[in-house]
Amino acid sequence: MKYVWPIVMLVAAAGLQGNLPKAVSILGARPDLVLVVLISYSLAADPAFGATLGFFAGLLHGSLVGFSLGSFIVTRTITGFLAGMVTARLFSENPLVPALSAIWLTIVCEALFLLANPSPDIAIAFRKVAGECIGNAIFTIFAFFAIRSLNTRRKIKLANARI
């Protein structure tokens, strides 16, 4: 049951990502909303949850793109696991933590993906990764705090129901 809403959010993010206007692009790259949802949920959970959600995010993203399904699954699973590890090691109310985590997790995810699927023009790939990092960081701040707020409300309702 705890995977239902995250998977629904992944599907919604995939739908939104396909319809983002070009004006949202930064340095020629649009934010990866599926990766933003994965990082946001994984930062609010444990490594096992992050890895499982990463598997589903990679499966969804690879299915939508239509190529390199295995690369998407592996990179997103590793990214979800690492995001869950950030929660276990470092957690703060500071809004910079999710933003900085989104930046380095995006770099790791895209670097692993580029290792599996080399780009013919590496300079363009690096510029797009830089733009994607900035966009993902901005969107992750909002998504992380929205998800954490919804989780807190759910836990309060469960606690009140037990009383």
N, C-alpha and C. Protein backbone atom coordinates (compact mmCIF):
# COMPACT_ATOMS: atom_id res chain seq x y z
N MET A 1 0.82 -1.21 0.00
CA MET A 1 0.00 0.00 0.00
C MET A 1 0.86 1.26 0.00
N LYS A 2 2.06 1.18 0.59
CA LYS A 2 2.88 2.38 0.66
C LYS A 2 3.48 2.75 -0.69
N TYR A 3 3.40 1.86 -1.68
CA TYR A 3 3.93 2.15 -3.00
C TYR A 3 2.89 2.71 -3.96
N VAL A 4 1.62 2.74 -3.56
CA VAL A 4 0.57 3.15 -4.48
C VAL A 4 0.71 4.62 -4.86
N TRP A 5 0.76 5.52 -3.89
CA TRP A 5 0.83 6.95 -4.19
C TRP A 5 2.14 7.34 -4.88
N PRO A 6 3.27 6.80 -4.46
CA PRO A 6 4.49 7.13 -5.21
C PRO A 6 4.44 6.70 -6.68
N ILE A 7 3.87 5.54 -6.96
CA ILE A 7 3.77 5.09 -8.35
C ILE A 7 2.79 5.95 -9.13
N VAL A 8 1.69 6.34 -8.49
CA VAL A 8 0.74 7.26 -9.13
C VAL A 8 1.43 8.59 -9.45
N MET A 9 2.24 9.07 -8.52
CA MET A 9 2.97 10.33 -8.75
C MET A 9 4.01 10.17 -9.86
N LEU A 10 4.65 9.00 -9.95
CA LEU A 10 5.60 8.75 -11.03
C LEU A 10 4.90 8.79 -12.39
N VAL A 11 3.74 8.17 -12.47
CA VAL A 11 2.99 8.17 -13.73
C VAL A 11 2.55 9.59 -14.09
N ALA A 12 2.08 10.35 -13.09
CA ALA A 12 1.69 11.74 -13.34
C ALA A 12 2.89 12.58 -13.78
N ALA A 13 4.04 12.35 -13.15
CA ALA A 13 5.25 13.10 -13.53
C ALA A 13 5.67 12.75 -14.95
N ALA A 14 5.55 11.49 -15.32
CA ALA A 14 5.89 11.08 -16.69
C ALA A 14 4.96 11.75 -17.70
N GLY A 15 3.70 11.85 -17.36
CA GLY A 15 2.75 12.54 -18.25
C GLY A 15 3.04 14.02 -18.37
N LEU A 16 3.37 14.66 -17.25
CA LEU A 16 3.72 16.08 -17.28
C LEU A 16 5.02 16.33 -18.03
N GLN A 17 5.97 15.46 -17.84
CA GLN A 17 7.28 15.64 -18.46
C GLN A 17 7.17 15.63 -19.98
N GLY A 18 6.33 14.80 -20.50
CA GLY A 18 6.15 14.75 -21.94
C GLY A 18 5.47 15.98 -22.50
N ASN A 19 4.83 16.76 -21.65
CA ASN A 19 4.09 17.94 -22.11
C ASN A 19 4.68 19.25 -21.62
N LEU A 20 5.90 19.23 -21.11
CA LEU A 20 6.53 20.47 -20.66
C LEU A 20 6.86 21.36 -21.86
N PRO A 21 6.57 22.64 -21.76
CA PRO A 21 6.91 23.53 -22.87
C PRO A 21 8.42 23.78 -22.94
N LYS A 22 8.89 24.22 -24.09
CA LYS A 22 10.32 24.48 -24.26
C LYS A 22 10.81 25.61 -23.37
N ALA A 23 9.91 26.46 -22.91
CA ALA A 23 10.30 27.59 -22.05
C ALA A 23 10.81 27.11 -20.69
N VAL A 24 10.52 25.89 -20.32
CA VAL A 24 10.95 25.36 -19.03
C VAL A 24 12.39 24.85 -19.09
N SER A 25 12.97 24.77 -20.26
CA SER A 25 14.32 24.21 -20.39
C SER A 25 15.38 25.17 -19.85
N ILE A 26 16.43 24.57 -19.28
CA ILE A 26 17.57 25.31 -18.75
C ILE A 26 18.82 24.73 -19.42
N LEU A 27 19.58 25.58 -20.10
CA LEU A 27 20.77 25.16 -20.84
C LEU A 27 20.45 24.05 -21.85
N GLY A 28 19.26 24.12 -22.42
CA GLY A 28 18.88 23.14 -23.43
C GLY A 28 18.31 21.84 -22.88
N ALA A 29 18.10 21.75 -21.58
CA ALA A 29 17.58 20.51 -20.98
C ALA A 29 16.36 20.82 -20.13
N ARG A 30 15.41 19.94 -20.22
CA ARG A 30 14.22 20.05 -19.37
C ARG A 30 14.44 19.24 -18.10
N PRO A 31 13.81 19.65 -17.01
CA PRO A 31 13.92 18.84 -15.78
C PRO A 31 13.33 17.45 -16.00
N ASP A 32 13.94 16.47 -15.37
CA ASP A 32 13.46 15.09 -15.44
C ASP A 32 12.50 14.88 -14.27
N LEU A 33 11.22 15.07 -14.52
CA LEU A 33 10.23 15.03 -13.44
C LEU A 33 10.09 13.65 -12.81
N VAL A 34 10.31 12.60 -13.58
CA VAL A 34 10.27 11.25 -13.02
C VAL A 34 11.41 11.10 -12.01
N LEU A 35 12.58 11.61 -12.35
CA LEU A 35 13.72 11.57 -11.44
C LEU A 35 13.48 12.46 -10.22
N VAL A 36 12.81 13.59 -10.41
CA VAL A 36 12.49 14.48 -9.29
C VAL A 36 11.57 13.78 -8.29
N VAL A 37 10.54 13.11 -8.79
CA VAL A 37 9.62 12.39 -7.90
C VAL A 37 10.35 11.25 -7.19
N LEU A 38 11.19 10.54 -7.93
CA LEU A 38 11.97 9.45 -7.33
C LEU A 38 12.86 9.98 -6.21
N ILE A 39 13.61 11.03 -6.48
CA ILE A 39 14.51 11.58 -5.46
C ILE A 39 13.72 12.12 -4.28
N SER A 40 12.62 12.81 -4.53
CA SER A 40 11.83 13.40 -3.44
C SER A 40 11.26 12.33 -2.52
N TYR A 41 10.67 11.29 -3.09
CA TYR A 41 10.12 10.22 -2.26
C TYR A 41 11.23 9.43 -1.56
N SER A 42 12.33 9.20 -2.25
CA SER A 42 13.41 8.41 -1.65
C SER A 42 14.11 9.17 -0.54
N LEU A 43 14.19 10.50 -0.65
CA LEU A 43 14.78 11.30 0.43
C LEU A 43 13.93 11.24 1.70
N ALA A 44 12.65 10.97 1.53
CA ALA A 44 11.75 10.90 2.68
C ALA A 44 11.55 9.46 3.16
N ALA A 45 12.35 8.52 2.66
CA ALA A 45 12.17 7.10 3.00
C ALA A 45 13.52 6.44 3.25
N ASP A 46 13.51 5.13 3.30
CA ASP A 46 14.74 4.36 3.54
C ASP A 46 15.32 3.85 2.22
N PRO A 47 16.55 3.31 2.23
CA PRO A 47 17.19 2.86 0.99
C PRO A 47 16.43 1.76 0.25
N ALA A 48 15.81 0.83 0.98
CA ALA A 48 15.07 -0.26 0.31
C ALA A 48 13.86 0.30 -0.45
N PHE A 49 13.16 1.23 0.16
CA PHE A 49 12.02 1.87 -0.51
C PHE A 49 12.51 2.64 -1.73
N GLY A 50 13.62 3.38 -1.58
CA GLY A 50 14.17 4.15 -2.69
C GLY A 50 14.58 3.26 -3.86
N ALA A 51 15.22 2.13 -3.55
CA ALA A 51 15.65 1.21 -4.62
C ALA A 51 14.44 0.60 -5.33
N THR A 52 13.43 0.21 -4.58
CA THR A 52 12.23 -0.38 -5.18
C THR A 52 11.50 0.65 -6.04
N LEU A 53 11.36 1.85 -5.51
CA LEU A 53 10.71 2.90 -6.29
C LEU A 53 11.55 3.26 -7.51
N GLY A 54 12.87 3.22 -7.37
CA GLY A 54 13.77 3.47 -8.49
C GLY A 54 13.60 2.45 -9.59
N PHE A 55 13.39 1.20 -9.21
CA PHE A 55 13.14 0.16 -10.21
C PHE A 55 11.89 0.49 -11.02
N PHE A 56 10.80 0.85 -10.33
CA PHE A 56 9.57 1.18 -11.04
C PHE A 56 9.72 2.46 -11.86
N ALA A 57 10.47 3.44 -11.35
CA ALA A 57 10.71 4.67 -12.11
C ALA A 57 11.50 4.37 -13.38
N GLY A 58 12.52 3.52 -13.27
CA GLY A 58 13.30 3.15 -14.45
C GLY A 58 12.48 2.37 -15.45
N LEU A 59 11.64 1.47 -14.96
CA LEU A 59 10.77 0.70 -15.84
C LEU A 59 9.80 1.61 -16.59
N LEU A 60 9.21 2.55 -15.87
CA LEU A 60 8.28 3.50 -16.48
C LEU A 60 8.99 4.41 -17.48
N HIS A 61 10.10 4.98 -17.05
CA HIS A 61 10.82 5.92 -17.91
C HIS A 61 11.37 5.23 -19.16
N GLY A 62 11.96 4.07 -18.98
CA GLY A 62 12.48 3.33 -20.13
C GLY A 62 11.38 2.89 -21.09
N SER A 63 10.23 2.54 -20.55
CA SER A 63 9.11 2.14 -21.40
C SER A 63 8.58 3.32 -22.22
N LEU A 64 8.58 4.50 -21.61
CA LEU A 64 8.09 5.67 -22.33
C LEU A 64 9.07 6.13 -23.40
N VAL A 65 10.36 6.05 -23.10
CA VAL A 65 11.36 6.49 -24.07
C VAL A 65 11.48 5.48 -25.20
N GLY A 66 11.44 4.20 -24.88
CA GLY A 66 11.43 3.17 -25.91
C GLY A 66 12.78 2.55 -26.22
N PHE A 67 13.83 2.93 -25.51
CA PHE A 67 15.13 2.29 -25.72
C PHE A 67 15.89 2.28 -24.39
N SER A 68 16.87 1.42 -24.31
CA SER A 68 17.75 1.31 -23.13
C SER A 68 16.97 1.08 -21.83
N LEU A 69 16.00 0.20 -21.88
CA LEU A 69 15.18 -0.08 -20.71
C LEU A 69 16.03 -0.52 -19.53
N GLY A 70 16.99 -1.41 -19.78
CA GLY A 70 17.86 -1.90 -18.71
C GLY A 70 18.69 -0.80 -18.09
N SER A 71 19.18 0.13 -18.91
CA SER A 71 19.97 1.24 -18.39
C SER A 71 19.13 2.15 -17.51
N PHE A 72 17.90 2.41 -17.92
CA PHE A 72 17.02 3.23 -17.09
C PHE A 72 16.73 2.54 -15.76
N ILE A 73 16.45 1.25 -15.79
CA ILE A 73 16.13 0.53 -14.56
C ILE A 73 17.33 0.54 -13.60
N VAL A 74 18.51 0.23 -14.11
CA VAL A 74 19.69 0.17 -13.23
C VAL A 74 20.04 1.54 -12.67
N THR A 75 20.05 2.57 -13.51
CA THR A 75 20.45 3.89 -13.02
C THR A 75 19.44 4.45 -12.03
N ARG A 76 18.16 4.26 -12.29
CA ARG A 76 17.14 4.78 -11.36
C ARG A 76 17.11 3.99 -10.06
N THR A 77 17.37 2.68 -10.11
CA THR A 77 17.42 1.88 -8.89
C THR A 77 18.58 2.33 -8.01
N ILE A 78 19.75 2.54 -8.61
CA ILE A 78 20.91 3.01 -7.84
C ILE A 78 20.65 4.40 -7.28
N THR A 79 20.03 5.27 -8.07
CA THR A 79 19.73 6.63 -7.60
C THR A 79 18.75 6.61 -6.43
N GLY A 80 17.71 5.80 -6.52
CA GLY A 80 16.76 5.69 -5.41
C GLY A 80 17.40 5.15 -4.15
N PHE A 81 18.27 4.17 -4.29
CA PHE A 81 18.99 3.61 -3.15
C PHE A 81 19.89 4.68 -2.51
N LEU A 82 20.64 5.40 -3.32
CA LEU A 82 21.52 6.44 -2.79
C LEU A 82 20.74 7.56 -2.11
N ALA A 83 19.58 7.92 -2.68
CA ALA A 83 18.74 8.95 -2.05
C ALA A 83 18.24 8.47 -0.69
N GLY A 84 17.88 7.20 -0.59
CA GLY A 84 17.48 6.65 0.70
C GLY A 84 18.63 6.64 1.70
N MET A 85 19.84 6.43 1.20
CA MET A 85 21.02 6.47 2.08
C MET A 85 21.27 7.88 2.61
N VAL A 86 20.96 8.89 1.82
CA VAL A 86 21.10 10.28 2.28
C VAL A 86 20.20 10.50 3.48
N THR A 87 18.99 9.94 3.42
CA THR A 87 18.06 10.09 4.54
C THR A 87 18.60 9.41 5.79
N ALA A 88 19.21 8.24 5.63
CA ALA A 88 19.74 7.52 6.77
C ALA A 88 20.95 8.21 7.38
N ARG A 89 21.75 8.89 6.56
CA ARG A 89 22.98 9.53 7.02
C ARG A 89 22.84 11.01 7.32
N LEU A 90 22.01 11.70 6.56
CA LEU A 90 21.94 13.15 6.65
C LEU A 90 20.50 13.57 6.46
N PHE A 91 19.94 14.16 7.49
CA PHE A 91 18.58 14.68 7.36
C PHE A 91 18.51 16.01 8.06
N SER A 92 17.93 16.97 7.41
CA SER A 92 17.86 18.30 7.96
C SER A 92 16.59 18.99 7.48
N GLU A 93 16.18 19.98 8.25
CA GLU A 93 15.04 20.80 7.85
C GLU A 93 15.46 21.84 6.82
N ASN A 94 16.75 21.94 6.60
CA ASN A 94 17.30 22.93 5.68
C ASN A 94 16.86 22.62 4.25
N PRO A 95 16.29 23.58 3.52
CA PRO A 95 15.86 23.32 2.15
C PRO A 95 17.01 23.07 1.18
N LEU A 96 18.24 23.37 1.58
CA LEU A 96 19.37 23.10 0.70
C LEU A 96 19.69 21.61 0.61
N VAL A 97 19.34 20.84 1.63
CA VAL A 97 19.65 19.41 1.61
C VAL A 97 18.97 18.70 0.44
N PRO A 98 17.64 18.86 0.23
CA PRO A 98 17.05 18.20 -0.95
C PRO A 98 17.56 18.77 -2.27
N ALA A 99 17.83 20.07 -2.32
CA ALA A 99 18.31 20.66 -3.58
C ALA A 99 19.70 20.15 -3.92
N LEU A 100 20.61 20.17 -2.96
CA LEU A 100 21.97 19.67 -3.22
C LEU A 100 21.98 18.18 -3.48
N SER A 101 21.11 17.47 -2.78
CA SER A 101 21.00 16.02 -3.02
C SER A 101 20.49 15.76 -4.44
N ALA A 102 19.53 16.56 -4.89
CA ALA A 102 19.02 16.39 -6.25
C ALA A 102 20.11 16.65 -7.28
N ILE A 103 20.96 17.62 -7.01
CA ILE A 103 22.04 17.93 -7.96
C ILE A 103 23.00 16.75 -8.08
N TRP A 104 23.53 16.28 -6.94
CA TRP A 104 24.53 15.21 -7.06
C TRP A 104 23.90 13.89 -7.47
N LEU A 105 22.66 13.64 -7.08
CA LEU A 105 22.00 12.40 -7.52
C LEU A 105 21.69 12.43 -9.02
N THR A 106 21.35 13.60 -9.55
CA THR A 106 21.14 13.72 -10.99
C THR A 106 22.45 13.49 -11.74
N ILE A 107 23.55 14.04 -11.21
CA ILE A 107 24.85 13.84 -11.84
C ILE A 107 25.22 12.36 -11.85
N VAL A 108 25.02 11.69 -10.71
CA VAL A 108 25.33 10.25 -10.63
C VAL A 108 24.46 9.46 -11.60
N CYS A 109 23.17 9.74 -11.61
CA CYS A 109 22.23 9.01 -12.46
C CYS A 109 22.58 9.20 -13.94
N GLU A 110 22.80 10.43 -14.34
CA GLU A 110 23.09 10.69 -15.75
C GLU A 110 24.48 10.21 -16.15
N ALA A 111 25.45 10.28 -15.23
CA ALA A 111 26.79 9.76 -15.54
C ALA A 111 26.74 8.25 -15.75
N LEU A 112 26.01 7.54 -14.90
CA LEU A 112 25.86 6.10 -15.09
C LEU A 112 25.14 5.79 -16.40
N PHE A 113 24.14 6.59 -16.72
CA PHE A 113 23.41 6.37 -17.97
C PHE A 113 24.31 6.64 -19.17
N LEU A 114 25.15 7.68 -19.10
CA LEU A 114 26.08 7.97 -20.20
C LEU A 114 27.15 6.90 -20.34
N LEU A 115 27.52 6.26 -19.23
CA LEU A 115 28.47 5.16 -19.32
C LEU A 115 27.88 3.98 -20.08
N ALA A 116 26.60 3.73 -19.85
CA ALA A 116 25.94 2.61 -20.52
C ALA A 116 25.55 2.96 -21.95
N ASN A 117 25.25 4.24 -22.20
CA ASN A 117 24.82 4.70 -23.53
C ASN A 117 25.62 5.94 -23.90
N PRO A 118 26.83 5.77 -24.40
CA PRO A 118 27.68 6.93 -24.71
C PRO A 118 27.05 7.88 -25.73
N SER A 119 27.26 9.15 -25.52
CA SER A 119 26.76 10.17 -26.42
C SER A 119 27.84 10.54 -27.43
N PRO A 120 27.47 10.75 -28.70
CA PRO A 120 28.50 11.10 -29.69
C PRO A 120 29.14 12.47 -29.42
N ASP A 121 28.36 13.41 -28.89
CA ASP A 121 28.90 14.74 -28.56
C ASP A 121 28.83 14.93 -27.05
N ILE A 122 29.94 14.70 -26.39
CA ILE A 122 29.98 14.71 -24.93
C ILE A 122 29.79 16.11 -24.36
N ALA A 123 30.19 17.16 -25.09
CA ALA A 123 30.03 18.53 -24.59
C ALA A 123 28.55 18.90 -24.47
N ILE A 124 27.77 18.52 -25.47
CA ILE A 124 26.32 18.79 -25.40
C ILE A 124 25.70 17.98 -24.27
N ALA A 125 26.13 16.75 -24.08
CA ALA A 125 25.60 15.92 -23.00
C ALA A 125 25.90 16.54 -21.65
N PHE A 126 27.12 17.05 -21.44
CA PHE A 126 27.47 17.68 -20.17
C PHE A 126 26.65 18.95 -19.93
N ARG A 127 26.44 19.73 -20.99
CA ARG A 127 25.64 20.95 -20.84
C ARG A 127 24.20 20.61 -20.47
N LYS A 128 23.66 19.57 -21.09
CA LYS A 128 22.28 19.17 -20.78
C LYS A 128 22.17 18.61 -19.36
N VAL A 129 23.18 17.88 -18.92
CA VAL A 129 23.17 17.37 -17.55
C VAL A 129 23.23 18.52 -16.56
N ALA A 130 24.02 19.55 -16.86
CA ALA A 130 24.10 20.72 -15.97
C ALA A 130 22.74 21.42 -15.90
N GLY A 131 22.08 21.61 -17.03
CA GLY A 131 20.76 22.22 -17.03
C GLY A 131 19.73 21.37 -16.31
N GLU A 132 19.82 20.06 -16.51
CA GLU A 132 18.90 19.16 -15.83
C GLU A 132 19.11 19.19 -14.31
N CYS A 133 20.36 19.30 -13.89
CA CYS A 133 20.65 19.38 -12.45
C CYS A 133 19.99 20.61 -11.82
N ILE A 134 20.10 21.74 -12.48
CA ILE A 134 19.51 22.97 -11.96
C ILE A 134 17.99 22.85 -11.90
N GLY A 135 17.38 22.38 -12.98
CA GLY A 135 15.92 22.21 -13.00
C GLY A 135 15.44 21.21 -11.97
N ASN A 136 16.14 20.09 -11.86
CA ASN A 136 15.75 19.06 -10.88
C ASN A 136 15.87 19.59 -9.46
N ALA A 137 16.90 20.38 -9.18
CA ALA A 137 17.08 20.93 -7.83
C ALA A 137 15.91 21.85 -7.46
N ILE A 138 15.50 22.68 -8.40
CA ILE A 138 14.39 23.61 -8.14
C ILE A 138 13.10 22.84 -7.90
N PHE A 139 12.79 21.89 -8.76
CA PHE A 139 11.56 21.12 -8.62
C PHE A 139 11.59 20.21 -7.39
N THR A 140 12.76 19.69 -7.03
CA THR A 140 12.86 18.79 -5.88
C THR A 140 12.58 19.50 -4.57
N ILE A 141 12.97 20.74 -4.45
CA ILE A 141 12.68 21.50 -3.22
C ILE A 141 11.18 21.49 -2.96
N PHE A 142 10.41 21.85 -3.97
CA PHE A 142 8.95 21.92 -3.81
C PHE A 142 8.34 20.53 -3.62
N ALA A 143 8.78 19.57 -4.41
CA ALA A 143 8.21 18.22 -4.33
C ALA A 143 8.54 17.56 -3.00
N PHE A 144 9.77 17.71 -2.51
CA PHE A 144 10.17 17.07 -1.26
C PHE A 144 9.33 17.58 -0.10
N PHE A 145 9.19 18.90 0.02
CA PHE A 145 8.45 19.45 1.15
C PHE A 145 6.95 19.18 1.04
N ALA A 146 6.42 19.09 -0.18
CA ALA A 146 5.02 18.70 -0.35
C ALA A 146 4.80 17.26 0.06
N ILE A 147 5.70 16.37 -0.35
CA ILE A 147 5.59 14.95 0.00
C ILE A 147 5.75 14.76 1.50
N ARG A 148 6.71 15.45 2.10
CA ARG A 148 6.92 15.32 3.53
C ARG A 148 5.72 15.84 4.32
N SER A 149 5.11 16.92 3.85
CA SER A 149 3.92 17.46 4.50
C SER A 149 2.76 16.47 4.43
N LEU A 150 2.57 15.86 3.27
CA LEU A 150 1.49 14.86 3.13
C LEU A 150 1.76 13.65 4.01
N ASN A 151 3.01 13.21 4.10
CA ASN A 151 3.36 12.09 4.97
C ASN A 151 3.09 12.40 6.43
N THR A 152 3.41 13.61 6.85
CA THR A 152 3.19 14.02 8.24
C THR A 152 1.70 14.03 8.55
N ARG A 153 0.90 14.57 7.65
CA ARG A 153 -0.55 14.58 7.86
C ARG A 153 -1.11 13.17 7.96
N ARG A 154 -0.62 12.27 7.10
CA ARG A 154 -1.09 10.88 7.13
C ARG A 154 -0.74 10.22 8.45
N LYS A 155 0.46 10.46 8.96
CA LYS A 155 0.88 9.86 10.23
C LYS A 155 0.08 10.42 11.40
N ILE A 156 -0.27 11.69 11.35
CA ILE A 156 -1.09 12.29 12.41
C ILE A 156 -2.48 11.68 12.40
N LYS A 157 -3.05 11.49 11.21
CA LYS A 157 -4.38 10.85 11.12
C LYS A 157 -4.34 9.43 11.63
N LEU A 158 -3.27 8.68 11.32
CA LEU A 158 -3.15 7.31 11.82
C LEU A 158 -3.01 7.30 13.35
N ALA A 159 -2.24 8.23 13.88
CA ALA A 159 -2.06 8.29 15.33
C ALA A 159 -3.37 8.63 16.01
N ASN A 160 -4.14 9.58 15.46
CA ASN A 160 -5.42 9.97 16.03
C ASN A 160 -6.44 8.83 15.94
N ALA A 161 -6.36 8.03 14.90
CA ALA A 161 -7.28 6.90 14.75
C ALA A 161 -7.02 5.82 15.78
N ARG A 162 -5.77 5.70 16.23
CA ARG A 162 -5.43 4.69 17.23
C ARG A 162 -5.81 5.10 18.64
N ILE A 163 -5.97 6.40 18.85
CA ILE A 163 -6.28 6.88 20.21
C ILE A 163 -7.69 6.64 20.58
